[in-house]
Every structure is written in C-alpha cells, then in structure tokens.
Amino acid sequence: MDLNTITDIVRRPPDRPGAAWRDGDAWLAGGTWLFSTEQPELRRLVDLTALGWDSLVPGADGLEIGATCTIAELNGFAPPSDWSASALFSTCCEAFLSSFKVWNAATVGGNICMSLPAGPMITLTVALEATYTLWAADGSERTIDAADFVIGDHRNLLAPGEILRRVDIPVTALRKRCAYRRFSLTRLGRSTLFMIATRSPGTADLLLTITAGTTRPVRLAFDGMPDAESLRQRIDALPDDLWFSDPNGTPDHRAHLARHFAEEIRVELTEGGPA
C-alpha cells in the first residue's frame, strides 16, 4: 500500500523513542499491517528497528522478548530443555494467518499492539503469564500483566506516544505442562477460538486462557483441577457481550466451542496425556 499521506520518516529515533512522538505518528516495526491498508490519519513513521533491541534473551528468571522480535525469530528459538511450555511458541506462530515471508517481518510487539481478538502473540503471552514493559512519551515506564493489556477488539491500554518495549515470560510458567485447542473454519484460516491451559508440575492447579472467541483475553484460574461441571459453570458465567462475533463465528458458536475444548483440555491435563 502506498501511504501517500506520509511526509516524513524518522530513521533513527532517540533511544527512548517516545520523546520524538507527535500527533499523526505511527511506530514502524515490521509494518505488515501498517502497509496493508490506507492510513489517512498518519503523517510520519518512526522506525523502531534501528534501535537494535535484543530479540530473545533467556535467563534464570525466564525469557525476555524484545518488542521488535520477529515471528520467524521466535519460531526458531531453541529453549532450555526444561521449558516444556515453550512448545507453544511454534504453535502460536503457526496460528498466524500469514506466510513465512510475513513471519520474517511481522513482530511480536506489533501483533500484541494490534490487539485483535485472534492475535496469537496475545494468546501466547497471556497464557504464559507474561508481563509487558511500556515506555511512556515522558520517559517513565510501567509494567502490566499481559492479561490486562487488551481491553477490547483493536483496543488496548497504550496512551498516545507510549510504546511496548518488551515482554517478560517467567520461568515458572515456561516449566508448566500445557495443552491447547484451536478452531478455524479452514485449515489455515483465522482463529475462531484459541485456548491454552497450563498446569504447574506436581500440583493440581489449572490456568485456562480463552482468546480469539472473545473480544479480550480471558484467563480462568483454579487452585485445584475443577470437575467438568465447575469448569463449565465458569465459562457459562462469562458475560454475553464478551463473546466475539465476526464471519468466523457467532458468539453462541464460540461459547459452545469453549465449553467443548475446555473439557478436552481438563481431561488431558488430569490424565497426563499429550502436553
């Protein structure tokens, strides 16, 4: 897409890029969505890739993912052997409605900040209990739970000039057992529903994350493994207006899928099946 309203590009912004922000700006990382459609309100692009942020930094406390890390880099990451939940990295990368060429440009941070219900990097980071570090235009920063960042379809907590700097996934989440279910109308289609559950080693807890079928991520926590009825009741208690509606599924269809897959996941993690 020829963005004919753009009159300027900041090729090398300040190390704290928010200082360069002004009305009509857009952050440019992969640009796979930015250049895919008209952007009549934009006048300038601020290129974040020139800042050279580290893409993936594993450590004793977990994994730090730079916001400009590409999907291809995440998919190719070789994690420590005891990070069993890292199997979800490739699963979520493969949930993109895109080709490998897009993977080489699209970024983790860009997918999160688009804040679409079917954003698989949102699914991944919410399910693995990540936190996001946000840099404000005034130079301050804040850290928020990934589950709180997206507040609706294409809506999030970012203030004007604020930027997602990095994602931190704790090692405790990376060492959990996991199970997932994903439904789409076609084999390579947009997710109608994407659910991930994790369970701590040696415990009976359950953390169930529901995305794509809801306007924002939903995370249901249980101290002990629930029975089928208790799990169903928690899903049934979700507000009706939380379920998403688009050509890929009605709210009723998505709620039905959530109940069905939640029980499959519960049985899988209870009986020690595939994880």
Protein backbone atom coordinates (compact mmCIF):
# COMPACT_ATOMS: atom_id res chain seq x y z
CA MET A 1 0.00 0.00 0.00
CA ASP A 2 1.32 3.41 -0.97
CA LEU A 3 0.82 5.55 2.15
CA ASN A 4 0.52 8.84 0.30
CA THR A 5 -0.22 10.89 3.41
CA ILE A 6 3.24 10.18 4.90
CA THR A 7 5.52 13.20 4.60
CA ASP A 8 8.42 12.14 6.84
CA ILE A 9 10.17 9.09 8.33
CA VAL A 10 12.31 9.13 11.47
CA ARG A 11 15.00 6.60 10.58
CA ARG A 12 16.85 6.73 13.92
CA PRO A 13 14.66 7.88 16.81
CA PRO A 14 16.03 8.58 20.29
CA ASP A 15 16.80 5.54 22.46
CA ARG A 16 13.60 6.45 24.30
CA PRO A 17 11.54 6.92 21.14
CA GLY A 18 8.54 8.43 22.89
CA ALA A 19 10.44 11.73 23.04
CA ALA A 20 10.00 12.01 19.27
CA TRP A 21 6.25 11.35 19.28
CA ARG A 22 3.75 13.81 17.86
CA ASP A 23 0.19 13.65 16.57
CA GLY A 24 -0.03 11.84 13.24
CA ASP A 25 2.85 9.48 14.07
CA ALA A 26 2.91 5.69 13.91
CA TRP A 27 5.55 3.33 15.25
CA LEU A 28 7.07 1.25 12.45
CA ALA A 29 8.43 -2.22 13.23
CA GLY A 30 7.50 -4.99 10.80
CA GLY A 31 4.87 -2.86 9.08
CA THR A 32 2.96 -5.91 7.83
CA TRP A 33 -0.37 -4.38 8.85
CA LEU A 34 0.66 -0.74 8.54
CA PHE A 35 1.41 -1.09 4.83
CA SER A 36 -1.57 -3.35 4.12
CA THR A 37 -4.29 -0.73 4.26
CA GLU A 38 -4.85 3.02 3.94
CA GLN A 39 -3.74 5.10 6.94
CA PRO A 40 -5.25 8.53 6.17
CA GLU A 41 -4.66 9.92 9.66
CA LEU A 42 -0.89 9.34 9.59
CA ARG A 43 1.76 11.87 8.59
CA ARG A 44 5.01 10.35 9.86
CA LEU A 45 6.55 6.95 10.61
CA VAL A 46 9.02 6.37 13.45
CA ASP A 47 11.24 3.36 12.68
CA LEU A 48 11.88 1.23 15.77
CA THR A 49 14.05 -1.41 14.11
CA ALA A 50 17.03 0.97 14.07
CA LEU A 51 17.17 0.86 17.87
CA GLY A 52 18.64 -2.64 17.86
CA TRP A 53 16.68 -4.13 20.73
CA ASP A 54 17.63 -7.72 21.63
CA SER A 55 15.06 -10.13 20.26
CA LEU A 56 15.29 -13.05 22.70
CA VAL A 57 17.19 -13.07 25.99
CA PRO A 58 16.81 -16.30 28.02
CA GLY A 59 17.91 -16.28 31.64
CA ALA A 60 17.43 -17.87 35.03
CA ASP A 61 14.23 -15.87 35.58
CA GLY A 62 12.67 -16.69 32.22
CA LEU A 63 12.60 -15.23 28.72
CA GLU A 64 12.75 -11.58 27.68
CA ILE A 65 11.30 -10.91 24.23
CA GLY A 66 12.03 -7.57 22.61
CA ALA A 67 9.00 -5.96 21.03
CA THR A 68 10.73 -5.93 17.62
CA CYS A 69 11.48 -9.67 17.73
CA THR A 70 10.13 -11.19 14.52
CA ILE A 71 7.80 -14.14 14.41
CA ALA A 72 10.47 -16.08 12.48
CA GLU A 73 12.99 -15.46 15.27
CA LEU A 74 10.57 -16.63 17.94
CA ASN A 75 9.65 -19.72 15.94
CA GLY A 76 13.33 -20.60 15.51
CA PHE A 77 14.26 -20.13 19.17
CA ALA A 78 15.84 -23.16 20.87
CA PRO A 79 14.74 -23.06 24.54
CA PRO A 80 16.26 -24.88 27.52
CA SER A 81 15.10 -28.49 27.74
CA ASP A 82 13.09 -27.96 30.93
CA TRP A 83 10.92 -25.21 29.42
CA SER A 84 8.16 -27.62 28.45
CA ALA A 85 5.61 -24.89 27.73
CA SER A 86 7.92 -23.37 25.12
CA ALA A 87 6.33 -25.84 22.69
CA LEU A 88 3.61 -23.21 22.48
CA PHE A 89 5.97 -20.83 20.67
CA SER A 90 5.74 -22.67 17.37
CA THR A 91 2.07 -23.47 17.93
CA CYS A 92 1.22 -19.79 18.25
CA CYS A 93 3.49 -18.76 15.38
CA GLU A 94 1.70 -21.26 13.16
CA ALA A 95 -1.65 -19.71 14.15
CA PHE A 96 -0.79 -16.58 12.14
CA LEU A 97 -2.91 -16.03 9.06
CA SER A 98 0.24 -15.34 7.04
CA SER A 99 3.09 -16.80 5.00
CA PHE A 100 6.69 -17.36 6.03
CA LYS A 101 7.55 -14.11 4.24
CA VAL A 102 5.34 -12.22 6.67
CA TRP A 103 6.94 -14.11 9.58
CA ASN A 104 10.29 -12.57 8.60
CA ALA A 105 8.90 -9.05 9.02
CA ALA A 106 5.98 -9.21 11.48
CA THR A 107 6.93 -8.63 15.11
CA VAL A 108 5.75 -9.97 18.44
CA GLY A 109 5.10 -6.46 19.71
CA GLY A 110 3.23 -5.44 16.61
CA ASN A 111 0.82 -8.36 16.88
CA ILE A 112 0.19 -7.60 20.54
CA CYS A 113 -0.36 -3.89 19.96
CA MET A 114 -2.78 -4.52 17.09
CA SER A 115 -4.90 -6.09 19.84
CA LEU A 116 -7.12 -8.12 17.56
CA PRO A 117 -9.04 -10.98 19.21
CA ALA A 118 -7.21 -13.56 17.07
CA GLY A 119 -3.71 -12.20 17.75
CA PRO A 120 -1.69 -15.36 18.57
CA MET A 121 1.09 -13.48 20.37
CA ILE A 122 -1.58 -12.23 22.75
CA THR A 123 -2.73 -15.81 23.29
CA LEU A 124 0.82 -16.96 23.95
CA THR A 125 1.86 -14.23 26.37
CA VAL A 126 -1.37 -14.20 28.35
CA ALA A 127 -1.32 -17.99 28.72
CA LEU A 128 2.30 -17.91 29.91
CA GLU A 129 1.61 -15.20 32.49
CA ALA A 130 3.84 -12.62 30.83
CA THR A 131 4.25 -9.01 31.79
CA TYR A 132 4.67 -6.11 29.37
CA THR A 133 7.04 -3.20 29.91
CA LEU A 134 5.62 0.01 28.45
CA TRP A 135 7.62 3.18 27.81
CA ALA A 136 5.71 6.47 28.02
CA ALA A 137 6.43 9.58 25.99
CA ASP A 138 7.60 11.42 29.14
CA GLY A 139 10.36 8.85 29.75
CA SER A 140 8.59 6.92 32.51
CA GLU A 141 7.77 3.25 32.28
CA ARG A 142 5.23 0.84 33.71
CA THR A 143 4.82 -2.91 33.86
CA ILE A 144 1.44 -4.55 33.42
CA ASP A 145 0.09 -8.09 33.29
CA ALA A 146 -0.39 -9.28 29.72
CA ALA A 147 -3.94 -10.31 30.61
CA ASP A 148 -4.84 -6.67 31.34
CA PHE A 149 -3.36 -5.03 28.24
CA VAL A 150 -6.03 -5.76 25.62
CA ILE A 151 -9.37 -4.27 26.63
CA GLY A 152 -11.43 -4.93 23.50
CA ASP A 153 -11.36 -5.56 19.76
CA HIS A 154 -8.41 -3.50 18.46
CA ARG A 155 -8.23 -1.65 21.80
CA ASN A 156 -5.54 -1.65 24.48
CA LEU A 157 -4.11 0.38 27.35
CA LEU A 158 -1.45 2.26 25.36
CA ALA A 159 -1.55 6.02 25.80
CA PRO A 160 -0.55 8.37 22.94
CA GLY A 161 3.20 8.09 22.41
CA GLU A 162 3.50 5.06 24.69
CA ILE A 163 5.27 2.01 23.34
CA LEU A 164 5.58 -1.68 24.17
CA ARG A 165 9.28 -2.21 24.85
CA ARG A 166 9.48 -5.87 25.88
CA VAL A 167 7.65 -8.97 27.05
CA ASP A 168 8.88 -10.99 30.04
CA ILE A 169 7.74 -14.60 30.47
CA PRO A 170 8.54 -16.08 33.91
CA VAL A 171 10.44 -19.35 34.12
CA THR A 172 7.73 -20.79 36.40
CA ALA A 173 5.24 -20.55 33.53
CA LEU A 174 7.71 -21.92 30.99
CA ARG A 175 8.18 -25.07 33.08
CA LYS A 176 4.47 -25.89 33.25
CA ARG A 177 2.68 -28.64 31.37
CA CYS A 178 0.42 -27.27 28.68
CA ALA A 179 -2.41 -28.21 26.38
CA TYR A 180 -4.18 -26.23 23.69
CA ARG A 181 -7.07 -26.32 21.28
CA ARG A 182 -7.60 -24.10 18.25
CA PHE A 183 -10.52 -23.99 15.83
CA SER A 184 -10.73 -22.22 12.47
CA LEU A 185 -13.17 -22.56 9.60
CA THR A 186 -10.37 -23.56 7.22
CA ARG A 187 -7.05 -25.28 7.88
CA LEU A 188 -5.02 -22.09 7.53
CA GLY A 189 -7.79 -19.68 8.47
CA ARG A 190 -8.14 -17.04 11.14
CA SER A 191 -8.76 -18.50 14.60
CA THR A 192 -12.39 -18.75 15.65
CA LEU A 193 -11.26 -19.85 19.11
CA PHE A 194 -7.80 -20.40 20.60
CA MET A 195 -7.46 -21.85 24.11
CA ILE A 196 -4.37 -22.73 26.14
CA ALA A 197 -4.20 -24.30 29.59
CA THR A 198 -1.19 -24.77 31.84
CA ARG A 199 -0.61 -26.79 34.99
CA SER A 200 2.28 -26.50 37.45
CA PRO A 201 4.41 -29.64 37.94
CA GLY A 202 3.38 -31.63 40.98
CA THR A 203 0.17 -29.66 41.57
CA ALA A 204 -3.49 -29.85 40.59
CA ASP A 205 -3.86 -26.19 39.58
CA LEU A 206 -5.19 -25.07 36.21
CA LEU A 207 -4.83 -21.81 34.31
CA LEU A 208 -7.13 -21.66 31.28
CA THR A 209 -6.80 -18.86 28.72
CA ILE A 210 -9.51 -18.16 26.14
CA THR A 211 -8.80 -15.92 23.14
CA ALA A 212 -9.92 -15.30 19.55
CA GLY A 213 -13.51 -16.13 20.52
CA THR A 214 -13.66 -13.24 23.00
CA THR A 215 -13.16 -9.51 22.47
CA ARG A 216 -10.33 -9.56 25.01
CA PRO A 217 -8.31 -12.38 26.58
CA VAL A 218 -9.96 -14.33 29.38
CA ARG A 219 -7.88 -16.18 31.95
CA LEU A 220 -9.61 -18.54 34.39
CA ALA A 221 -7.54 -19.71 37.39
CA PHE A 222 -8.28 -22.75 39.55
CA ASP A 223 -6.26 -23.73 42.63
CA GLY A 224 -7.24 -27.36 42.09
CA MET A 225 -8.27 -29.23 38.97
CA PRO A 226 -12.00 -28.50 38.57
CA ASP A 227 -14.57 -31.11 37.72
CA ALA A 228 -16.42 -30.87 34.43
CA GLU A 229 -19.42 -29.04 35.87
CA SER A 230 -17.37 -26.44 37.74
CA LEU A 231 -15.34 -25.68 34.64
CA ARG A 232 -18.44 -25.34 32.50
CA GLN A 233 -20.05 -23.01 35.04
CA ARG A 234 -17.05 -20.67 34.96
CA ILE A 235 -17.28 -20.43 31.18
CA ASP A 236 -21.06 -20.02 31.24
CA ALA A 237 -20.64 -17.15 33.72
CA LEU A 238 -18.71 -15.04 31.21
CA PRO A 239 -20.74 -12.01 30.05
CA ASP A 240 -22.65 -12.49 26.81
CA ASP A 241 -21.13 -9.36 25.28
CA LEU A 242 -17.61 -10.70 25.83
CA TRP A 243 -18.02 -13.29 23.07
CA PHE A 244 -16.82 -12.03 19.70
CA SER A 245 -18.91 -12.02 16.54
CA ASP A 246 -17.50 -11.91 13.00
CA PRO A 247 -17.71 -14.03 9.82
CA ASN A 248 -15.59 -16.71 11.52
CA GLY A 249 -18.17 -17.49 14.19
CA THR A 250 -21.16 -16.34 16.20
CA PRO A 251 -20.95 -15.77 19.97
CA ASP A 252 -23.04 -18.89 20.63
CA HIS A 253 -20.80 -21.00 18.41
CA ARG A 254 -17.67 -19.73 20.11
CA ALA A 255 -19.08 -20.30 23.60
CA HIS A 256 -20.03 -23.84 22.60
CA LEU A 257 -16.51 -24.49 21.33
CA ALA A 258 -15.03 -23.11 24.54
CA ARG A 259 -17.08 -25.48 26.69
CA HIS A 260 -16.23 -28.45 24.47
CA PHE A 261 -12.49 -27.79 24.26
CA ALA A 262 -12.18 -26.85 27.92
CA GLU A 263 -13.39 -30.29 28.91
CA GLU A 264 -10.99 -31.97 26.49
CA ILE A 265 -8.12 -29.95 27.93
CA ARG A 266 -9.19 -30.71 31.51
CA VAL A 267 -9.18 -34.45 30.81
CA GLU A 268 -5.84 -34.24 29.01
CA LEU A 269 -4.08 -32.47 31.86
CA THR A 270 -5.77 -34.60 34.50
CA GLU A 271 -4.86 -37.92 32.92
CA GLY A 272 -1.37 -36.94 31.87
CA GLY A 273 -1.98 -37.16 28.16
CA PRO A 274 -0.17 -35.14 25.48
CA ALA A 275 1.08 -31.76 26.64
